Protein backbone atom coordinates (compact mmCIF):
# COMPACT_ATOMS: atom_id res chain seq x y z
CA MET A 1 19.67 42.97 -18.45
CA ILE A 2 16.70 43.38 -16.07
CA PRO A 3 15.24 47.14 -16.47
CA TRP A 4 15.11 47.85 -12.97
CA TYR A 5 13.84 51.47 -13.81
CA LEU A 6 10.75 49.99 -15.14
CA ILE A 7 9.95 47.62 -12.30
CA SER A 8 11.03 50.50 -9.53
CA VAL A 9 8.47 52.98 -11.38
CA ALA A 10 5.64 50.33 -12.25
CA PHE A 11 5.90 49.06 -8.49
CA LEU A 12 5.87 52.40 -6.64
CA GLY A 13 3.12 53.48 -9.07
CA ALA A 14 0.96 50.72 -8.31
CA MET A 15 1.25 51.17 -4.28
CA VAL A 16 0.00 54.63 -4.45
CA GLN A 17 -2.68 53.94 -6.92
CA ALA A 18 -3.81 50.97 -4.57
CA VAL A 19 -4.16 53.46 -1.77
CA THR A 20 -5.22 56.80 -3.44
CA GLY A 21 -6.94 55.47 -6.59
CA PHE A 22 -4.48 56.80 -9.00
CA GLY A 23 -0.97 57.40 -9.45
CA ALA A 24 0.59 54.46 -11.65
CA PRO A 25 0.46 56.10 -15.16
CA ILE A 26 1.29 59.46 -13.88
CA LEU A 27 4.48 57.95 -12.46
CA MET A 28 5.29 56.00 -15.66
CA MET A 29 4.45 58.75 -17.93
CA ALA A 30 7.11 60.77 -16.08
CA PHE A 31 9.77 58.72 -17.07
CA PHE A 32 8.84 56.32 -19.95
CA PRO A 33 9.31 59.07 -22.69
CA HIS A 34 12.83 59.28 -21.76
CA TRP A 35 13.60 55.60 -22.47
CA MET A 36 11.47 54.76 -25.75
CA PRO A 37 9.09 56.72 -28.14
CA TYR A 38 6.35 59.05 -26.83
CA SER A 39 3.43 57.12 -28.48
CA GLY A 40 4.89 53.92 -27.49
CA SER A 41 5.43 55.01 -23.71
CA ILE A 42 1.61 55.78 -23.49
CA ALA A 43 1.04 52.52 -25.40
CA LEU A 44 3.30 50.43 -22.85
CA ALA A 45 2.11 52.58 -19.66
CA HIS A 46 -1.52 51.82 -20.45
CA ALA A 47 -0.80 48.11 -20.99
CA ILE A 48 1.04 47.64 -17.53
CA ALA A 49 -1.47 49.61 -15.69
CA MET A 50 -4.12 47.45 -17.03
CA ALA A 51 -2.87 44.72 -14.50
CA GLY A 52 -3.58 46.93 -11.34
CA VAL A 53 -6.68 48.42 -12.62
CA VAL A 54 -8.36 44.97 -13.41
CA THR A 55 -7.14 43.63 -10.01
CA LEU A 56 -8.77 46.61 -8.22
CA VAL A 57 -12.13 46.51 -10.47
CA VAL A 58 -12.48 42.69 -9.97
CA ARG A 59 -11.92 43.16 -5.96
CA TYR A 60 -14.07 46.15 -5.50
CA HIS A 61 -16.78 45.49 -8.32
CA ALA A 62 -19.67 45.47 -6.09
CA SER A 63 -19.04 49.03 -4.92
CA ILE A 64 -19.16 50.52 -8.38
CA ASN A 65 -21.39 53.52 -8.82
CA TRP A 66 -22.53 53.40 -12.51
CA LYS A 67 -24.92 56.33 -12.12
CA VAL A 68 -22.03 58.53 -11.29
CA LEU A 69 -19.72 56.74 -13.66
CA TRP A 70 -21.44 57.39 -17.12
CA PRO A 71 -21.56 61.00 -17.26
CA LEU A 72 -18.06 61.29 -16.64
CA ALA A 73 -16.84 58.05 -18.78
CA ILE A 74 -18.97 58.74 -22.29
CA PRO A 75 -17.75 62.20 -22.73
CA SER A 76 -14.40 61.25 -21.73
CA LEU A 77 -14.21 58.53 -24.34
CA LEU A 78 -15.46 60.39 -26.94
CA ILE A 79 -13.04 63.19 -26.57
CA GLY A 80 -10.21 60.89 -25.96
CA ALA A 81 -10.40 59.31 -29.29
CA ILE A 82 -10.06 62.78 -31.06
CA ALA A 83 -7.27 63.81 -28.63
CA THR A 84 -5.55 60.25 -28.85
CA LEU A 85 -5.47 60.87 -33.01
CA LEU A 86 -3.84 64.26 -32.46
CA SER A 87 -1.35 62.98 -30.08
CA ILE A 88 -0.29 60.43 -32.70
CA SER A 89 0.00 62.92 -35.54
CA LEU A 90 2.20 65.34 -33.47
CA LYS A 91 6.13 65.12 -32.97
CA SER A 92 7.71 63.16 -30.07
CA ALA A 93 9.78 66.15 -28.84
CA LEU A 94 6.93 68.53 -28.84
CA MET A 95 4.42 65.94 -27.06
CA THR A 96 7.60 65.21 -24.47
CA ARG A 97 7.61 69.04 -23.52
CA LEU A 98 4.05 69.49 -23.37
CA LEU A 99 3.90 66.41 -21.36
CA GLY A 100 6.35 68.20 -18.90
CA MET A 101 4.29 71.03 -18.34
CA PHE A 102 1.08 69.02 -17.71
CA LEU A 103 3.10 66.84 -14.89
CA ILE A 104 4.19 69.96 -13.46
CA LEU A 105 0.59 71.66 -12.99
CA THR A 106 -0.70 68.14 -12.04
CA SER A 107 1.80 67.98 -9.34
CA LEU A 108 1.33 71.71 -8.14
CA PHE A 109 -2.37 70.83 -8.15
CA PHE A 110 -2.33 67.87 -6.03
CA LEU A 111 0.35 69.45 -3.65
CA PHE A 112 -1.49 72.92 -3.10
CA LEU A 113 -4.82 73.15 -4.49
CA GLN A 114 -6.68 69.80 -4.31
CA GLY A 115 -7.93 69.64 -0.70
CA ARG A 116 -9.29 73.49 -1.27
CA MET A 117 -11.69 72.58 -4.11
CA THR A 118 -14.80 70.74 -4.41
CA ILE A 119 -17.03 69.50 -7.18
CA GLN A 120 -20.47 68.41 -6.57
CA ALA A 121 -21.64 65.04 -8.12
CA LYS A 122 -23.89 66.52 -10.87
CA ALA A 123 -24.24 65.45 -14.09
CA ARG A 124 -22.81 68.53 -15.61
CA ASN A 125 -19.94 68.57 -13.22
CA GLY A 126 -19.38 64.79 -14.68
CA VAL A 127 -19.54 65.86 -18.26
CA LEU A 128 -16.91 68.84 -17.93
CA ALA A 129 -14.58 66.46 -15.89
CA GLY A 130 -15.08 63.65 -18.51
CA LEU A 131 -13.90 66.21 -21.28
CA ALA A 132 -11.17 67.37 -19.45
CA SER A 133 -9.91 63.63 -18.43
CA GLY A 134 -10.50 62.49 -22.15
CA ILE A 135 -8.23 65.47 -23.57
CA CYS A 136 -5.27 64.47 -20.57
CA ASN A 137 -5.64 60.93 -21.34
CA GLY A 138 -5.63 61.31 -25.33
CA LEU A 139 -2.63 63.65 -25.21
CA PHE A 140 -0.66 62.42 -22.22
CA GLY A 141 -2.17 59.09 -21.24
CA ILE A 142 -3.14 60.25 -17.77
CA SER A 143 -6.84 60.65 -17.19
CA ALA A 144 -6.75 60.76 -13.12
CA PRO A 145 -6.70 64.56 -12.04
CA PRO A 146 -10.22 65.46 -13.13
CA ALA A 147 -11.94 62.19 -12.88
CA ALA A 148 -10.50 61.99 -9.22
CA LEU A 149 -11.43 65.10 -8.40
CA TYR A 150 -15.10 64.53 -9.42
CA LEU A 151 -15.49 61.46 -7.80
CA MET A 152 -13.76 62.01 -4.68
CA ASN A 153 -16.30 64.37 -3.78
CA GLY A 154 -19.33 62.78 -5.37
CA LEU A 155 -18.82 59.43 -3.69
CA GLY A 156 -18.67 59.25 0.06
CA GLN A 157 -17.29 55.69 0.54
CA LYS A 158 -13.64 54.83 -0.24
CA GLU A 159 -14.56 51.67 -1.71
CA ALA A 160 -17.10 53.37 -4.13
CA TYR A 161 -14.54 56.03 -5.01
CA LEU A 162 -11.79 53.62 -5.74
CA ALA A 163 -14.25 51.29 -7.63
CA THR A 164 -15.65 53.46 -9.87
CA LEU A 165 -12.54 55.48 -10.58
CA GLN A 166 -10.68 52.13 -11.62
CA THR A 167 -13.52 51.14 -13.81
CA PHE A 168 -13.28 54.39 -15.40
CA PHE A 169 -9.53 53.91 -16.10
CA LEU A 170 -10.25 50.21 -17.48
CA LEU A 171 -12.51 51.89 -20.16
CA SER A 172 -10.03 54.92 -21.01
CA ASN A 173 -7.18 52.47 -21.25
CA VAL A 174 -9.17 49.80 -23.25
CA GLU A 175 -9.97 52.40 -25.69
CA SER A 176 -6.52 54.38 -25.88
CA MET A 177 -4.93 50.77 -26.27
CA ALA A 178 -7.22 50.05 -28.97
CA MET A 179 -6.66 52.93 -31.02
CA ARG A 180 -2.73 52.95 -30.59
CA SER A 181 -2.57 49.56 -31.46
CA ALA A 182 -4.52 50.10 -34.73
CA TYR A 183 -1.87 52.60 -35.50
CA GLY A 184 1.14 50.36 -34.89
CA ALA A 185 2.10 51.47 -31.25
CA TYR A 186 2.33 47.64 -30.26
CA GLN A 187 4.04 46.22 -33.17
CA ASN A 188 7.57 46.48 -31.51
CA LEU A 189 6.29 45.80 -27.85
CA SER A 190 8.80 44.08 -25.69
CA TRP A 191 6.79 41.23 -24.05
CA GLY A 192 9.40 40.76 -21.58
CA LEU A 193 8.83 44.45 -20.39
CA LEU A 194 5.39 44.02 -20.29
CA LEU A 195 5.53 40.71 -18.09
CA LEU A 196 8.04 42.33 -15.81
CA GLY A 197 5.67 45.48 -15.68
CA TRP A 198 2.76 43.16 -14.84
CA ALA A 199 4.64 41.77 -12.08
CA ALA A 200 5.86 44.96 -10.59
CA ILE A 201 2.05 46.13 -10.84
CA LEU A 202 0.75 43.14 -9.10
CA LEU A 203 3.05 42.99 -6.53
CA GLY A 204 2.77 46.98 -5.72
CA THR A 205 -0.84 46.72 -5.93
CA LEU A 206 -0.82 43.82 -3.30
CA CYS A 207 1.85 45.72 -0.97
CA GLY A 208 -0.75 48.68 -1.17
CA ASN A 209 -3.85 46.74 -0.19
CA LEU A 210 -2.11 44.94 2.81
CA LEU A 211 -0.18 48.08 4.03
CA PHE A 212 -2.46 50.83 3.83
CA ARG A 213 -4.08 50.19 7.12
CA HIS A 214 -0.84 50.30 8.75
CA LEU A 215 1.29 52.89 6.97
CA SER A 216 0.72 56.83 6.70
CA PHE A 217 0.94 57.58 2.98
CA SER A 218 0.44 61.51 4.06
CA LEU A 219 4.19 61.94 3.43
CA LEU A 220 4.59 59.69 0.62
CA ARG A 221 1.85 61.19 -1.60
CA PRO A 222 3.57 64.77 -1.54
CA LEU A 223 7.02 63.20 -1.88
CA VAL A 224 5.69 61.51 -5.14
CA TYR A 225 4.41 64.59 -6.84
CA ILE A 226 7.41 66.51 -6.15
CA PHE A 227 9.42 63.65 -7.60
CA VAL A 228 6.82 64.04 -10.62
CA ALA A 229 7.18 67.76 -10.86
CA ILE A 230 10.80 67.36 -11.13
CA ALA A 231 10.52 64.72 -13.80
CA GLY A 232 8.37 67.14 -15.61
CA LEU A 233 10.87 69.92 -15.39
CA TRP A 234 13.46 67.65 -16.89
CA SER A 235 10.80 66.57 -19.63
CA VAL A 236 10.49 70.36 -20.34
CA ILE A 237 14.28 71.12 -20.58
CA ALA A 238 15.52 67.62 -22.19
CA GLY A 239 12.78 67.31 -24.41
């Protein structure tokens, strides 16, 4: 049986990420923990997301701003390793409920506060955003909110923002996948699910790149986060 739920979530997440710079792991983590163990959900979400991240990094590699990236990435990777070890040791039900609360807060932030907040592209702010992103990525498999807010205000060009953010995701995902692999998260991984996820991600990324000039995502983005908030509430209740 083809897991259409996985294909749909990965495809929609990739479309949103190709346009806004993030979204795929948020959508996948909103639903994967209800279909598989928590640690395995993060492992699969990061493995699937890598296809879209690598595609975008390769396409926009010339626009990567390394000077802005490193103050964000280094503290994120350091604290992310600690947070990943912590998440592996905690019970799946607890992490699912914590994830639900995080998804609700993330959705409310992007729905109501994002446009009202600005962060200057200073090294100190990059370190703070990196620490927050590392904690979020290690615990919940989602590093986007603090990093996106920092880079969105720190980089003037869309290409530089997209390229630098995707490179940050690439580094974060590689670290998370390596650590979770060492603890056996990929031992029972279904290659069929992974290949279907990669196909959905690549197709969603392609569609996002082709259509974003012709379609307005001003309505799609709030709808996505309302959907994520509902999924987060579901996670809190159902555990």
